[in-house]
Each structure stands twice: as structure tokens, then as C-alpha cells.
Amino acid sequence: MSRAEPDAGVFLDAAERLACLDARLSPLQAGLLAASHLGIAGDSRSFSRLLGIEHALVLRELAGLAEDGDLLRITGRDARTMRTHYVPGAEGARLLAALDPPVPLSLAG
């Protein structure tokens, strides 16, 4: 069984709505939260590769999210590759729950 490709429209819509819900979020930070929520990417390397964004830029945005309240929690980091695993924090989960209408958790078409 092959994994369904993520729906770019659903991802972009979720990221845009998150950015509107919290003015502190940059578009990239909103995308990181949306990607985690949608199961698209839960680590910096995967997010970087899937969106064609420099890994260093993704790491900088992750650090900003982790420092700004409890929007995101770092759950692991590979010292050699700098791959950083993350999940939404309590405040990030609150924002994700406020998406109206809710973003479908399954992107299977």
C-alpha cells in the first residue's frame, strides 16, 4: 500500500489560517505547525526537503517557535545532522484546535 501524497491546498490553507490566528507566526512557522498537525513532516529535514527550503532557515524558525511561549516543543535533535524533531506545544495545539472548519487529519484522497 502506498502512502497518499499530502494535499498542498489543505496544507497551505491550514498554514494561512494559523498565521491569521496568531500574528506572531511567520508564514514558515505556521507551515511548520500545519505540517506537524497534518502528518506531513515532524522534523526539520523532512520539512526542508519537502518544501525546498534551506535547512538552516527551517532550524532558525523552529528555534523561534520553541522560544516564543509553548507553540512548539523540540522532542529530539541529532547532533551530527542537526535534524530536529518537534511537536506542537500546548499553545500550538490550542491554535490548531481553533482552525475552523477543522483541517482533516487524514489527507488520504
N, C-alpha and C. Protein backbone atom coordinates (compact mmCIF):
# COMPACT_ATOMS: atom_id res chain seq x y z
N MET A 1 0.85 -1.17 0.00
CA MET A 1 0.00 0.00 0.00
C MET A 1 0.90 1.24 0.00
N SER A 2 0.66 2.16 -0.88
CA SER A 2 1.46 3.37 -0.95
C SER A 2 0.82 4.48 -0.13
N ARG A 3 1.68 5.32 0.41
CA ARG A 3 1.22 6.43 1.22
C ARG A 3 0.65 7.51 0.31
N ALA A 4 -0.49 8.08 0.69
CA ALA A 4 -1.10 9.14 -0.11
C ALA A 4 -0.25 10.41 -0.02
N GLU A 5 -0.12 11.08 -1.13
CA GLU A 5 0.60 12.34 -1.15
C GLU A 5 -0.21 13.40 -0.41
N PRO A 6 0.48 14.25 0.34
CA PRO A 6 -0.25 15.31 1.05
C PRO A 6 -0.88 16.29 0.06
N ASP A 7 -2.02 16.82 0.41
CA ASP A 7 -2.73 17.78 -0.41
C ASP A 7 -2.15 19.16 -0.14
N ALA A 8 -1.49 19.74 -1.14
CA ALA A 8 -0.84 21.04 -0.98
C ALA A 8 -1.84 22.12 -0.61
N GLY A 9 -3.03 22.06 -1.16
CA GLY A 9 -4.05 23.05 -0.86
C GLY A 9 -4.48 23.02 0.60
N VAL A 10 -4.63 21.83 1.14
CA VAL A 10 -5.01 21.68 2.55
C VAL A 10 -3.90 22.23 3.44
N PHE A 11 -2.66 21.89 3.10
CA PHE A 11 -1.52 22.39 3.87
C PHE A 11 -1.44 23.91 3.84
N LEU A 12 -1.50 24.49 2.65
CA LEU A 12 -1.40 25.94 2.51
C LEU A 12 -2.54 26.66 3.22
N ASP A 13 -3.74 26.10 3.13
CA ASP A 13 -4.90 26.69 3.80
C ASP A 13 -4.71 26.67 5.32
N ALA A 14 -4.25 25.54 5.85
CA ALA A 14 -4.03 25.43 7.29
C ALA A 14 -2.96 26.41 7.75
N ALA A 15 -1.87 26.51 7.00
CA ALA A 15 -0.79 27.43 7.38
C ALA A 15 -1.27 28.87 7.34
N GLU A 16 -2.02 29.23 6.33
CA GLU A 16 -2.54 30.59 6.21
C GLU A 16 -3.49 30.92 7.36
N ARG A 17 -4.38 29.98 7.69
CA ARG A 17 -5.32 30.23 8.79
C ARG A 17 -4.61 30.33 10.12
N LEU A 18 -3.56 29.52 10.34
CA LEU A 18 -2.79 29.62 11.58
C LEU A 18 -2.11 30.97 11.69
N ALA A 19 -1.53 31.45 10.59
CA ALA A 19 -0.87 32.75 10.60
C ALA A 19 -1.87 33.87 10.91
N CYS A 20 -3.09 33.72 10.46
CA CYS A 20 -4.13 34.72 10.76
C CYS A 20 -4.58 34.64 12.22
N LEU A 21 -4.55 33.46 12.80
CA LEU A 21 -4.97 33.29 14.20
C LEU A 21 -3.96 33.85 15.18
N ASP A 22 -2.69 33.87 14.81
CA ASP A 22 -1.64 34.36 15.71
C ASP A 22 -0.64 35.19 14.91
N ALA A 23 -0.67 36.49 15.13
CA ALA A 23 0.18 37.41 14.36
C ALA A 23 1.66 37.20 14.63
N ARG A 24 2.02 36.51 15.71
CA ARG A 24 3.43 36.25 16.00
C ARG A 24 4.04 35.26 15.01
N LEU A 25 3.22 34.45 14.37
CA LEU A 25 3.72 33.40 13.49
C LEU A 25 4.13 33.95 12.13
N SER A 26 5.34 33.62 11.71
CA SER A 26 5.74 33.90 10.34
C SER A 26 5.05 32.85 9.46
N PRO A 27 4.98 33.08 8.16
CA PRO A 27 4.37 32.05 7.29
C PRO A 27 5.08 30.70 7.41
N LEU A 28 6.39 30.71 7.56
CA LEU A 28 7.13 29.46 7.68
C LEU A 28 6.82 28.76 9.01
N GLN A 29 6.72 29.53 10.08
CA GLN A 29 6.38 28.94 11.39
C GLN A 29 4.98 28.34 11.35
N ALA A 30 4.05 29.04 10.73
CA ALA A 30 2.69 28.50 10.59
C ALA A 30 2.74 27.20 9.78
N GLY A 31 3.59 27.17 8.76
CA GLY A 31 3.74 25.96 7.96
C GLY A 31 4.31 24.80 8.75
N LEU A 32 5.26 25.08 9.64
CA LEU A 32 5.83 24.03 10.49
C LEU A 32 4.75 23.41 11.39
N LEU A 33 3.92 24.26 11.99
CA LEU A 33 2.84 23.75 12.83
C LEU A 33 1.82 22.96 12.01
N ALA A 34 1.46 23.49 10.85
CA ALA A 34 0.49 22.80 10.00
C ALA A 34 1.04 21.45 9.53
N ALA A 35 2.31 21.41 9.14
CA ALA A 35 2.90 20.16 8.66
C ALA A 35 2.92 19.10 9.75
N SER A 36 3.21 19.50 10.97
CA SER A 36 3.20 18.55 12.07
C SER A 36 1.77 18.04 12.32
N HIS A 37 0.83 18.94 12.34
CA HIS A 37 -0.57 18.60 12.59
C HIS A 37 -1.13 17.66 11.53
N LEU A 38 -0.75 17.90 10.30
CA LEU A 38 -1.27 17.11 9.18
C LEU A 38 -0.49 15.83 8.93
N GLY A 39 0.59 15.61 9.69
CA GLY A 39 1.39 14.41 9.50
C GLY A 39 2.28 14.47 8.26
N ILE A 40 2.52 15.68 7.75
CA ILE A 40 3.35 15.85 6.57
C ILE A 40 4.82 15.77 6.93
N ALA A 41 5.20 16.42 8.03
CA ALA A 41 6.59 16.42 8.48
C ALA A 41 6.63 16.71 9.97
N GLY A 42 7.43 15.95 10.69
CA GLY A 42 7.60 16.14 12.12
C GLY A 42 9.04 16.42 12.50
N ASP A 43 9.86 16.67 11.47
CA ASP A 43 11.25 17.02 11.74
C ASP A 43 11.73 18.03 10.70
N SER A 44 12.77 18.74 11.07
CA SER A 44 13.25 19.85 10.25
C SER A 44 13.76 19.43 8.87
N ARG A 45 14.45 18.32 8.78
CA ARG A 45 14.99 17.87 7.49
C ARG A 45 13.87 17.50 6.52
N SER A 46 12.89 16.77 7.00
CA SER A 46 11.77 16.37 6.13
C SER A 46 11.02 17.60 5.64
N PHE A 47 10.75 18.54 6.54
CA PHE A 47 10.06 19.77 6.16
C PHE A 47 10.88 20.53 5.13
N SER A 48 12.16 20.66 5.38
CA SER A 48 13.07 21.36 4.48
C SER A 48 13.07 20.73 3.09
N ARG A 49 13.18 19.42 3.05
CA ARG A 49 13.25 18.70 1.77
C ARG A 49 11.93 18.78 1.02
N LEU A 50 10.82 18.58 1.71
CA LEU A 50 9.52 18.58 1.05
C LEU A 50 9.16 19.94 0.47
N LEU A 51 9.56 21.01 1.14
CA LEU A 51 9.20 22.34 0.67
C LEU A 51 10.32 23.04 -0.09
N GLY A 52 11.49 22.41 -0.19
CA GLY A 52 12.59 23.01 -0.93
C GLY A 52 13.14 24.26 -0.27
N ILE A 53 13.20 24.23 1.07
CA ILE A 53 13.68 25.37 1.85
C ILE A 53 14.99 24.96 2.51
N GLU A 54 15.93 25.89 2.59
CA GLU A 54 17.21 25.61 3.24
C GLU A 54 16.99 25.14 4.68
N HIS A 55 17.68 24.08 5.06
CA HIS A 55 17.54 23.51 6.39
C HIS A 55 17.88 24.52 7.48
N ALA A 56 18.89 25.34 7.26
CA ALA A 56 19.28 26.35 8.26
C ALA A 56 18.14 27.33 8.53
N LEU A 57 17.40 27.70 7.50
CA LEU A 57 16.26 28.61 7.69
C LEU A 57 15.16 27.93 8.51
N VAL A 58 14.91 26.67 8.23
CA VAL A 58 13.90 25.93 8.99
C VAL A 58 14.32 25.83 10.45
N LEU A 59 15.60 25.54 10.70
CA LEU A 59 16.10 25.45 12.07
C LEU A 59 15.93 26.78 12.81
N ARG A 60 16.19 27.88 12.13
CA ARG A 60 16.04 29.20 12.76
C ARG A 60 14.58 29.46 13.14
N GLU A 61 13.66 29.11 12.25
CA GLU A 61 12.23 29.30 12.53
C GLU A 61 11.75 28.38 13.65
N LEU A 62 12.26 27.15 13.68
CA LEU A 62 11.93 26.23 14.77
C LEU A 62 12.40 26.78 16.11
N ALA A 63 13.60 27.32 16.14
CA ALA A 63 14.13 27.90 17.38
C ALA A 63 13.26 29.05 17.84
N GLY A 64 12.82 29.88 16.91
CA GLY A 64 11.93 30.99 17.26
C GLY A 64 10.62 30.51 17.83
N LEU A 65 10.07 29.47 17.24
CA LEU A 65 8.81 28.91 17.76
C LEU A 65 8.98 28.31 19.15
N ALA A 66 10.07 27.60 19.34
CA ALA A 66 10.30 26.94 20.64
C ALA A 66 10.53 27.97 21.74
N GLU A 67 11.09 29.12 21.39
CA GLU A 67 11.37 30.16 22.39
C GLU A 67 10.16 31.03 22.68
N ASP A 68 9.21 31.10 21.77
CA ASP A 68 8.08 32.01 21.89
C ASP A 68 6.88 31.29 22.51
N GLY A 69 6.87 31.23 23.83
CA GLY A 69 5.77 30.56 24.50
C GLY A 69 5.86 29.06 24.34
N ASP A 70 4.72 28.43 24.25
CA ASP A 70 4.67 26.97 24.12
C ASP A 70 3.99 26.61 22.80
N LEU A 71 4.37 27.30 21.73
CA LEU A 71 3.81 26.99 20.42
C LEU A 71 4.32 25.66 19.89
N LEU A 72 5.57 25.35 20.20
CA LEU A 72 6.20 24.15 19.66
C LEU A 72 7.19 23.61 20.67
N ARG A 73 7.28 22.28 20.75
CA ARG A 73 8.25 21.63 21.64
C ARG A 73 9.22 20.82 20.79
N ILE A 74 10.51 20.99 21.08
CA ILE A 74 11.55 20.18 20.44
C ILE A 74 11.60 18.86 21.19
N THR A 75 11.47 17.76 20.47
CA THR A 75 11.45 16.44 21.11
C THR A 75 12.74 15.67 20.90
N GLY A 76 13.58 16.12 19.99
CA GLY A 76 14.85 15.43 19.76
C GLY A 76 15.68 16.17 18.73
N ARG A 77 16.99 15.95 18.84
CA ARG A 77 17.90 16.62 17.90
C ARG A 77 19.09 15.70 17.64
N ASP A 78 19.43 15.51 16.38
CA ASP A 78 20.61 14.74 16.00
C ASP A 78 21.78 15.71 15.92
N ALA A 79 22.77 15.53 16.77
CA ALA A 79 23.90 16.46 16.84
C ALA A 79 24.70 16.51 15.53
N ARG A 80 24.77 15.41 14.82
CA ARG A 80 25.56 15.36 13.58
C ARG A 80 24.84 16.05 12.43
N THR A 81 23.57 15.75 12.22
CA THR A 81 22.84 16.28 11.06
C THR A 81 22.02 17.52 11.38
N MET A 82 21.84 17.80 12.67
CA MET A 82 21.00 18.90 13.14
C MET A 82 19.51 18.67 12.88
N ARG A 83 19.15 17.46 12.43
CA ARG A 83 17.72 17.14 12.24
C ARG A 83 17.04 17.31 13.59
N THR A 84 16.01 18.11 13.61
CA THR A 84 15.31 18.43 14.85
C THR A 84 13.87 17.95 14.75
N HIS A 85 13.47 17.12 15.70
CA HIS A 85 12.10 16.60 15.75
C HIS A 85 11.28 17.52 16.65
N TYR A 86 10.03 17.71 16.28
CA TYR A 86 9.19 18.65 17.02
C TYR A 86 7.73 18.22 17.00
N VAL A 87 6.98 18.73 17.97
CA VAL A 87 5.53 18.56 18.05
C VAL A 87 4.94 19.90 18.51
N PRO A 88 3.68 20.14 18.21
CA PRO A 88 3.07 21.36 18.73
C PRO A 88 3.07 21.33 20.27
N GLY A 89 3.34 22.48 20.88
CA GLY A 89 3.23 22.61 22.32
C GLY A 89 1.78 22.87 22.68
N ALA A 90 1.52 23.17 23.95
CA ALA A 90 0.15 23.40 24.40
C ALA A 90 -0.50 24.57 23.67
N GLU A 91 0.24 25.66 23.52
CA GLU A 91 -0.30 26.83 22.82
C GLU A 91 -0.48 26.55 21.33
N GLY A 92 0.44 25.81 20.75
CA GLY A 92 0.30 25.42 19.36
C GLY A 92 -0.90 24.52 19.15
N ALA A 93 -1.12 23.59 20.07
CA ALA A 93 -2.28 22.70 19.99
C ALA A 93 -3.58 23.49 20.10
N ARG A 94 -3.58 24.54 20.94
CA ARG A 94 -4.76 25.39 21.08
C ARG A 94 -5.06 26.08 19.75
N LEU A 95 -4.02 26.59 19.10
CA LEU A 95 -4.21 27.24 17.80
C LEU A 95 -4.73 26.24 16.77
N LEU A 96 -4.15 25.06 16.75
CA LEU A 96 -4.58 24.04 15.79
C LEU A 96 -6.03 23.64 16.02
N ALA A 97 -6.45 23.58 17.28
CA ALA A 97 -7.83 23.23 17.60
C ALA A 97 -8.79 24.33 17.18
N ALA A 98 -8.29 25.56 17.09
CA ALA A 98 -9.14 26.69 16.73
C ALA A 98 -9.37 26.83 15.23
N LEU A 99 -8.71 26.02 14.43
CA LEU A 99 -8.94 26.08 12.99
C LEU A 99 -10.41 25.78 12.72
N ASP A 100 -11.06 26.65 11.99
CA ASP A 100 -12.49 26.49 11.75
C ASP A 100 -12.78 26.70 10.28
N PRO A 101 -13.24 25.74 9.53
CA PRO A 101 -13.52 24.38 9.96
C PRO A 101 -12.21 23.63 10.20
N PRO A 102 -12.28 22.57 11.00
CA PRO A 102 -11.06 21.82 11.29
C PRO A 102 -10.41 21.26 10.03
N VAL A 103 -9.10 21.22 10.05
CA VAL A 103 -8.35 20.62 8.95
C VAL A 103 -8.44 19.11 9.12
N PRO A 104 -8.76 18.37 8.06
CA PRO A 104 -8.84 16.92 8.19
C PRO A 104 -7.49 16.32 8.60
N LEU A 105 -7.51 15.40 9.54
CA LEU A 105 -6.28 14.76 10.00
C LEU A 105 -5.74 13.78 8.96
N SER A 106 -6.61 13.25 8.15
CA SER A 106 -6.18 12.30 7.12
C SER A 106 -6.19 13.00 5.78
N LEU A 107 -5.09 12.92 5.07
CA LEU A 107 -5.01 13.56 3.76
C LEU A 107 -5.24 12.54 2.65
N ALA A 108 -5.64 11.33 3.03
CA ALA A 108 -5.88 10.31 2.03
C ALA A 108 -7.03 10.74 1.13
N GLY A 109 -6.82 10.63 -0.14
CA GLY A 109 -7.83 11.10 -1.09
C GLY A 109 -8.78 10.04 -1.38
